[in-house]
Each structure stands twice: as structure tokens, then as C-alpha cells.
N, C-alpha and C. Protein backbone atom coordinates (compact mmCIF):
# COMPACT_ATOMS: atom_id res chain seq x y z
N MET A 1 -62.96 -47.55 -23.82
CA MET A 1 -62.61 -46.37 -22.87
C MET A 1 -61.55 -45.58 -23.57
N ARG A 2 -61.42 -44.27 -23.43
CA ARG A 2 -60.44 -42.99 -23.92
C ARG A 2 -59.26 -43.34 -23.20
N ASP A 3 -58.20 -43.27 -24.10
CA ASP A 3 -56.92 -42.79 -23.95
C ASP A 3 -56.43 -41.69 -23.17
N TYR A 4 -56.28 -41.26 -22.21
CA TYR A 4 -56.00 -40.25 -21.70
C TYR A 4 -54.37 -40.05 -21.18
N SER A 5 -53.45 -41.15 -21.53
CA SER A 5 -52.10 -41.10 -21.02
C SER A 5 -51.19 -40.15 -21.33
N ASN A 6 -51.56 -39.64 -22.46
CA ASN A 6 -50.51 -38.47 -23.45
C ASN A 6 -51.21 -37.05 -23.24
N MET A 7 -52.14 -36.63 -22.34
CA MET A 7 -52.53 -35.80 -21.91
C MET A 7 -51.76 -35.26 -20.41
N PRO A 8 -51.49 -33.62 -20.30
CA PRO A 8 -51.21 -33.40 -19.09
C PRO A 8 -51.82 -33.47 -17.96
N VAL A 9 -51.32 -33.60 -17.14
CA VAL A 9 -52.20 -33.46 -15.56
C VAL A 9 -51.83 -32.36 -14.78
N THR A 10 -52.64 -31.44 -14.22
CA THR A 10 -52.61 -30.55 -13.40
C THR A 10 -53.59 -30.68 -11.97
N THR A 11 -52.88 -30.40 -10.87
CA THR A 11 -53.39 -30.68 -9.58
C THR A 11 -54.18 -29.10 -9.76
N TRP A 12 -55.82 -29.11 -9.26
CA TRP A 12 -56.35 -28.07 -9.09
C TRP A 12 -56.18 -27.47 -7.75
N ASP A 13 -56.02 -26.11 -7.86
CA ASP A 13 -55.69 -25.42 -6.63
C ASP A 13 -55.98 -23.84 -7.03
N ASP A 14 -57.26 -23.74 -7.38
CA ASP A 14 -57.75 -22.65 -7.54
C ASP A 14 -56.83 -21.29 -8.64
N ASN A 15 -56.44 -20.45 -7.45
CA ASN A 15 -55.80 -19.33 -8.47
C ASN A 15 -54.34 -19.80 -9.12
N ILE A 16 -53.67 -20.82 -8.31
CA ILE A 16 -52.37 -20.92 -8.69
C ILE A 16 -52.23 -21.76 -9.91
N ASN A 17 -53.16 -22.25 -10.34
CA ASN A 17 -52.98 -23.50 -11.56
C ASN A 17 -54.15 -23.28 -12.55
N SER A 18 -55.27 -22.15 -11.96
CA SER A 18 -56.39 -21.58 -13.11
C SER A 18 -55.95 -21.11 -14.67
N LYS A 19 -54.93 -20.34 -14.07
CA LYS A 19 -54.16 -19.42 -15.23
C LYS A 19 -53.68 -20.70 -16.62
N LYS A 20 -52.68 -21.41 -15.38
CA LYS A 20 -51.94 -22.21 -16.61
C LYS A 20 -53.26 -23.35 -17.27
N ILE A 21 -54.05 -23.41 -16.56
CA ILE A 21 -55.52 -24.46 -17.61
C ILE A 21 -56.01 -23.48 -18.49
N GLU A 22 -56.27 -22.29 -17.79
CA GLU A 22 -57.12 -21.35 -18.70
C GLU A 22 -56.36 -21.46 -20.22
N ALA A 23 -54.84 -21.23 -20.24
CA ALA A 23 -53.99 -20.91 -21.41
C ALA A 23 -54.24 -21.87 -22.06
N GLN A 24 -54.14 -23.48 -21.33
CA GLN A 24 -54.02 -24.76 -22.31
C GLN A 24 -55.31 -24.74 -23.15
N ILE A 25 -56.29 -24.48 -22.61
CA ILE A 25 -57.56 -24.45 -23.26
C ILE A 25 -57.76 -23.43 -24.31
N LEU A 26 -57.24 -21.96 -23.86
CA LEU A 26 -57.24 -21.30 -25.01
C LEU A 26 -56.40 -21.58 -26.55
N HIS A 27 -55.20 -22.42 -25.98
CA HIS A 27 -54.34 -22.83 -27.05
C HIS A 27 -55.00 -24.07 -27.44
N ALA A 28 -56.26 -24.52 -27.21
CA ALA A 28 -56.89 -25.70 -27.64
C ALA A 28 -56.05 -27.11 -27.28
N GLU A 29 -55.33 -26.92 -26.36
CA GLU A 29 -54.47 -28.34 -25.71
C GLU A 29 -55.40 -28.93 -24.52
N PRO A 30 -55.70 -30.24 -24.69
CA PRO A 30 -56.33 -30.86 -23.80
C PRO A 30 -55.50 -30.77 -22.39
N VAL A 31 -56.29 -30.85 -21.44
CA VAL A 31 -55.61 -30.91 -20.38
C VAL A 31 -56.77 -31.73 -19.01
N ILE A 32 -55.88 -32.33 -18.02
CA ILE A 32 -56.45 -33.56 -17.08
C ILE A 32 -56.45 -32.57 -15.64
N ILE A 33 -57.63 -32.28 -15.09
CA ILE A 33 -57.36 -31.49 -13.75
C ILE A 33 -57.53 -32.64 -12.92
N GLN A 34 -56.58 -32.56 -11.95
CA GLN A 34 -56.79 -33.78 -10.75
C GLN A 34 -57.46 -33.12 -9.41
N MET A 35 -58.50 -33.34 -9.26
CA MET A 35 -59.36 -32.47 -8.56
C MET A 35 -59.24 -33.03 -7.00
N PRO A 36 -59.30 -32.28 -5.73
CA PRO A 36 -58.96 -32.48 -4.54
C PRO A 36 -59.94 -33.70 -3.73
N GLU A 37 -59.61 -34.33 -3.05
CA GLU A 37 -60.40 -35.60 -2.32
C GLU A 37 -61.89 -34.78 -1.93
N ASP A 38 -61.82 -33.62 -1.27
CA ASP A 38 -63.08 -33.12 -0.98
C ASP A 38 -63.98 -32.30 -2.04
N PHE A 39 -63.77 -32.39 -3.29
CA PHE A 39 -64.38 -31.53 -4.06
C PHE A 39 -65.52 -32.57 -4.57
N ALA A 40 -66.73 -31.81 -4.54
CA ALA A 40 -67.94 -32.86 -5.19
C ALA A 40 -68.05 -32.93 -6.70
N LEU A 41 -67.90 -33.86 -7.33
CA LEU A 41 -67.65 -34.17 -8.65
C LEU A 41 -69.41 -34.43 -9.41
N GLY A 42 -70.21 -34.60 -8.66
CA GLY A 42 -71.58 -35.30 -8.71
C GLY A 42 -72.36 -34.20 -10.04
N ILE A 43 -72.53 -34.64 -10.86
CA ILE A 43 -73.54 -33.94 -12.09
C ILE A 43 -74.70 -35.00 -12.40
N ASP A 44 -75.53 -34.35 -12.74
CA ASP A 44 -76.76 -34.94 -13.65
C ASP A 44 -76.43 -35.32 -15.15
N ALA A 45 -75.81 -36.11 -15.14
CA ALA A 45 -75.01 -36.66 -16.69
C ALA A 45 -76.00 -35.95 -17.87
N PRO A 46 -77.39 -36.34 -17.77
CA PRO A 46 -78.45 -36.13 -19.14
C PRO A 46 -78.38 -34.54 -19.43
N SER A 47 -78.48 -34.01 -18.28
CA SER A 47 -78.54 -32.50 -18.55
C SER A 47 -77.42 -31.88 -18.53
N CYS A 48 -76.25 -32.61 -18.38
CA CYS A 48 -74.79 -31.91 -18.97
C CYS A 48 -74.51 -32.05 -19.86
N GLY A 49 -75.31 -32.96 -20.99
CA GLY A 49 -75.46 -33.34 -22.46
C GLY A 49 -74.49 -34.50 -22.60
N CYS A 50 -74.04 -35.50 -21.24
CA CYS A 50 -73.06 -36.11 -21.18
C CYS A 50 -73.30 -37.49 -22.25
N LYS A 51 -72.30 -38.29 -23.04
CA LYS A 51 -73.01 -39.42 -23.53
C LYS A 51 -72.75 -40.81 -22.70
N ALA A 52 -73.66 -41.50 -22.68
CA ALA A 52 -73.48 -42.63 -21.75
C ALA A 52 -72.42 -43.33 -21.88
N THR A 53 -71.77 -43.99 -20.89
CA THR A 53 -70.89 -45.02 -21.30
C THR A 53 -71.09 -46.42 -20.41
N GLU A 54 -70.27 -47.06 -20.31
CA GLU A 54 -70.61 -48.58 -19.67
C GLU A 54 -70.19 -48.38 -17.94
N ASN A 55 -69.34 -47.71 -17.89
CA ASN A 55 -68.70 -47.07 -16.45
C ASN A 55 -69.75 -46.01 -15.76
N SER A 56 -70.37 -46.33 -14.64
CA SER A 56 -71.33 -45.36 -13.77
C SER A 56 -70.52 -44.03 -13.51
N TYR A 57 -69.14 -44.41 -13.43
CA TYR A 57 -68.08 -43.30 -12.58
C TYR A 57 -67.47 -42.49 -13.90
N LEU A 58 -67.88 -42.82 -15.29
CA LEU A 58 -67.27 -41.86 -16.37
C LEU A 58 -68.58 -41.06 -17.22
N HIS A 59 -68.24 -39.81 -17.18
CA HIS A 59 -69.18 -39.41 -18.26
C HIS A 59 -68.33 -38.58 -19.34
N ILE A 60 -68.68 -38.71 -20.82
CA ILE A 60 -67.60 -38.36 -21.85
C ILE A 60 -68.68 -37.14 -22.67
N ASP A 61 -67.90 -36.43 -22.93
CA ASP A 61 -68.50 -35.16 -24.04
C ASP A 61 -69.48 -34.55 -23.68
N CYS A 62 -69.15 -34.16 -22.29
CA CYS A 62 -70.33 -33.45 -21.88
C CYS A 62 -70.20 -31.89 -22.01
N LYS A 63 -71.18 -30.96 -22.33
CA LYS A 63 -71.24 -29.56 -22.21
C LYS A 63 -70.38 -28.98 -21.17
N ALA A 64 -69.39 -28.14 -21.71
CA ALA A 64 -68.43 -27.46 -20.98
C ALA A 64 -68.77 -26.68 -20.10
N MET A 65 -69.91 -25.94 -20.15
CA MET A 65 -70.39 -24.74 -19.40
C MET A 65 -71.27 -25.51 -18.50
N ASP A 66 -72.26 -26.26 -18.69
CA ASP A 66 -73.35 -26.93 -17.85
C ASP A 66 -72.56 -27.83 -17.04
N THR A 67 -71.49 -28.51 -17.23
CA THR A 67 -70.94 -29.12 -16.33
C THR A 67 -70.10 -28.71 -15.20
N LEU A 68 -69.01 -27.86 -15.87
CA LEU A 68 -68.25 -27.31 -14.92
C LEU A 68 -69.10 -26.09 -14.12
N LYS A 69 -69.86 -25.31 -14.65
CA LYS A 69 -70.70 -24.80 -13.73
C LYS A 69 -71.43 -25.75 -12.65
N THR A 70 -71.89 -26.48 -12.80
CA THR A 70 -72.76 -27.51 -11.86
C THR A 70 -71.51 -27.58 -10.93
N ILE A 71 -70.67 -28.12 -11.17
CA ILE A 71 -69.13 -28.52 -10.11
C ILE A 71 -68.65 -27.14 -9.32
N ALA A 72 -68.54 -26.01 -10.31
CA ALA A 72 -68.39 -25.10 -9.61
C ALA A 72 -69.16 -24.38 -8.33
N GLU A 73 -70.13 -24.30 -8.88
CA GLU A 73 -71.47 -24.13 -7.79
C GLU A 73 -71.66 -24.49 -6.51
N GLU A 74 -71.34 -25.83 -7.05
CA GLU A 74 -71.86 -27.08 -5.71
C GLU A 74 -70.57 -26.94 -4.89
N ASN A 75 -69.27 -26.53 -5.24
CA ASN A 75 -68.11 -26.46 -4.75
C ASN A 75 -67.86 -24.88 -4.47
N ARG A 76 -68.73 -24.18 -4.60
CA ARG A 76 -68.45 -22.31 -4.36
C ARG A 76 -67.05 -22.17 -4.86
N ASP A 77 -66.71 -22.19 -6.11
CA ASP A 77 -65.33 -21.99 -6.62
C ASP A 77 -65.56 -21.28 -8.10
N ASP A 78 -65.04 -20.11 -7.85
CA ASP A 78 -65.51 -18.72 -8.78
C ASP A 78 -64.28 -19.20 -9.85
N GLU A 79 -63.15 -19.69 -9.25
CA GLU A 79 -61.99 -20.10 -10.69
C GLU A 79 -62.64 -20.75 -11.51
N LEU A 80 -63.41 -22.05 -10.85
CA LEU A 80 -63.66 -22.96 -11.80
C LEU A 80 -65.10 -22.35 -12.83
N LEU A 81 -65.68 -21.56 -12.29
CA LEU A 81 -66.74 -20.68 -12.99
C LEU A 81 -65.84 -20.17 -14.44
N LYS A 82 -64.58 -19.41 -14.04
CA LYS A 82 -64.14 -18.69 -15.44
C LYS A 82 -63.61 -19.78 -16.14
N VAL A 83 -63.24 -21.14 -15.78
CA VAL A 83 -62.27 -21.98 -16.49
C VAL A 83 -63.88 -22.43 -17.72
N ALA A 84 -65.10 -22.72 -16.79
CA ALA A 84 -66.09 -23.34 -17.81
C ALA A 84 -66.20 -22.19 -18.64
N LYS A 85 -66.41 -20.81 -18.45
CA LYS A 85 -66.56 -19.98 -19.45
C LYS A 85 -65.63 -20.13 -20.91
N ILE A 86 -64.37 -20.08 -20.20
CA ILE A 86 -63.32 -20.51 -21.06
C ILE A 86 -63.37 -21.28 -22.12
N ALA A 87 -63.61 -23.00 -21.50
CA ALA A 87 -64.02 -24.26 -22.07
C ALA A 87 -64.90 -23.91 -23.08
N HIS A 88 -65.96 -23.46 -22.53
CA HIS A 88 -67.19 -22.97 -23.56
C HIS A 88 -67.06 -22.36 -24.84
N ASP A 89 -66.34 -21.23 -24.67
CA ASP A 89 -66.07 -19.83 -25.62
C ASP A 89 -65.25 -20.76 -26.66
N ALA A 90 -64.29 -21.90 -26.15
CA ALA A 90 -63.04 -22.32 -27.01
C ALA A 90 -64.09 -23.65 -27.89
N GLY A 91 -65.24 -24.15 -27.28
CA GLY A 91 -65.84 -25.00 -28.20
C GLY A 91 -65.10 -26.37 -27.52
N GLN A 92 -64.84 -26.58 -25.99
CA GLN A 92 -64.23 -27.77 -25.86
C GLN A 92 -65.43 -28.77 -25.19
N VAL A 93 -65.04 -29.88 -24.80
CA VAL A 93 -66.11 -30.68 -24.11
C VAL A 93 -65.36 -31.02 -23.05
N VAL A 94 -66.20 -31.88 -22.09
CA VAL A 94 -65.78 -32.45 -20.63
C VAL A 94 -65.79 -33.83 -20.39
N ASP A 95 -64.87 -34.39 -19.93
CA ASP A 95 -65.25 -35.64 -19.60
C ASP A 95 -65.11 -35.61 -18.05
N ILE A 96 -65.71 -36.38 -16.95
CA ILE A 96 -65.64 -36.59 -16.07
C ILE A 96 -65.49 -37.80 -15.22
N ASN A 97 -64.37 -38.40 -14.75
CA ASN A 97 -64.38 -39.49 -13.98
C ASN A 97 -64.25 -39.38 -12.35
N THR A 98 -65.17 -39.78 -11.94
CA THR A 98 -65.28 -39.69 -10.39
C THR A 98 -64.44 -40.58 -9.86
N ASP A 99 -64.30 -41.56 -10.64
CA ASP A 99 -63.29 -42.77 -9.68
C ASP A 99 -62.03 -42.22 -9.76
N THR A 100 -61.27 -41.65 -10.69
CA THR A 100 -59.88 -40.87 -10.33
C THR A 100 -60.01 -39.33 -9.65
N ARG A 101 -61.20 -38.67 -9.81
CA ARG A 101 -61.26 -37.59 -9.44
C ARG A 101 -60.94 -36.45 -10.32
N GLN A 102 -60.91 -36.78 -11.73
CA GLN A 102 -60.28 -36.19 -12.86
C GLN A 102 -61.41 -35.32 -13.81
N ILE A 103 -60.99 -34.43 -14.07
CA ILE A 103 -61.90 -33.40 -15.23
C ILE A 103 -60.88 -33.29 -16.18
N ILE A 104 -61.23 -33.71 -17.61
CA ILE A 104 -60.84 -33.77 -18.96
C ILE A 104 -61.15 -32.91 -19.51
N ILE A 105 -60.68 -32.00 -19.69
CA ILE A 105 -61.28 -30.59 -21.01
C ILE A 105 -60.27 -30.59 -22.20
N HIS A 106 -61.12 -31.39 -23.32
CA HIS A 106 -60.81 -31.38 -24.53
C HIS A 106 -61.53 -30.98 -25.86
N ASP A 107 -61.21 -31.15 -27.09
CA ASP A 107 -61.96 -31.04 -28.16
C ASP A 107 -62.99 -31.99 -28.71
């Protein structure tokens, strides 16, 4: 299991925090996005390029564009689509923890 304890956690609130998250990604800083309870985080892990884990709720090293785009479209969230492009362009990967409702963006 990965250790995320030293990464900053930002609560997702569309326009309010998306700029902060985008800045962190552009500076190659990891970020954990705490998603709201009503936000759907379901993805097709193999098609998003995720590595398998022992935990069904944890998907690691997923392709940023495929993963975040899927989640953004499911939730009709244009701000998350912007984050997807920035993370992809920055060469970042994404971990999804559906148990804690977190999206982790890192290198």
C-alpha cells in the first residue's frame, strides 16, 4: 500500500479549488483531491491503464487523461476535465481510492 500521508489534501469544489490543484500539478507537486459523497468514482480500471492491486477499491498508476476524463464525464464536471488535460500534459498518473473517495495525482 502506498503512503499518501505527506501529500496535501484538497477538497473538490469545482471552480474554487481547481485552480489550486492545477497549480500544484503544473509544479509537479502531488495532490490528493477529496471528492464529495455524491461524486461517482467508478472507472474501468484496465481501460484506464491502472495497475492491479490486492484491494478492489484502490486503482494505482492510472492514465491521467483516461481516468479523470471518465470521472469528469460521468459527473458532468468541466473543471475536472481541465485538470485531466493538465495532469496528462504534465506526465502525471492517478490513483483512485473509492473507499476514501480520493483521487491522488502524482508523478
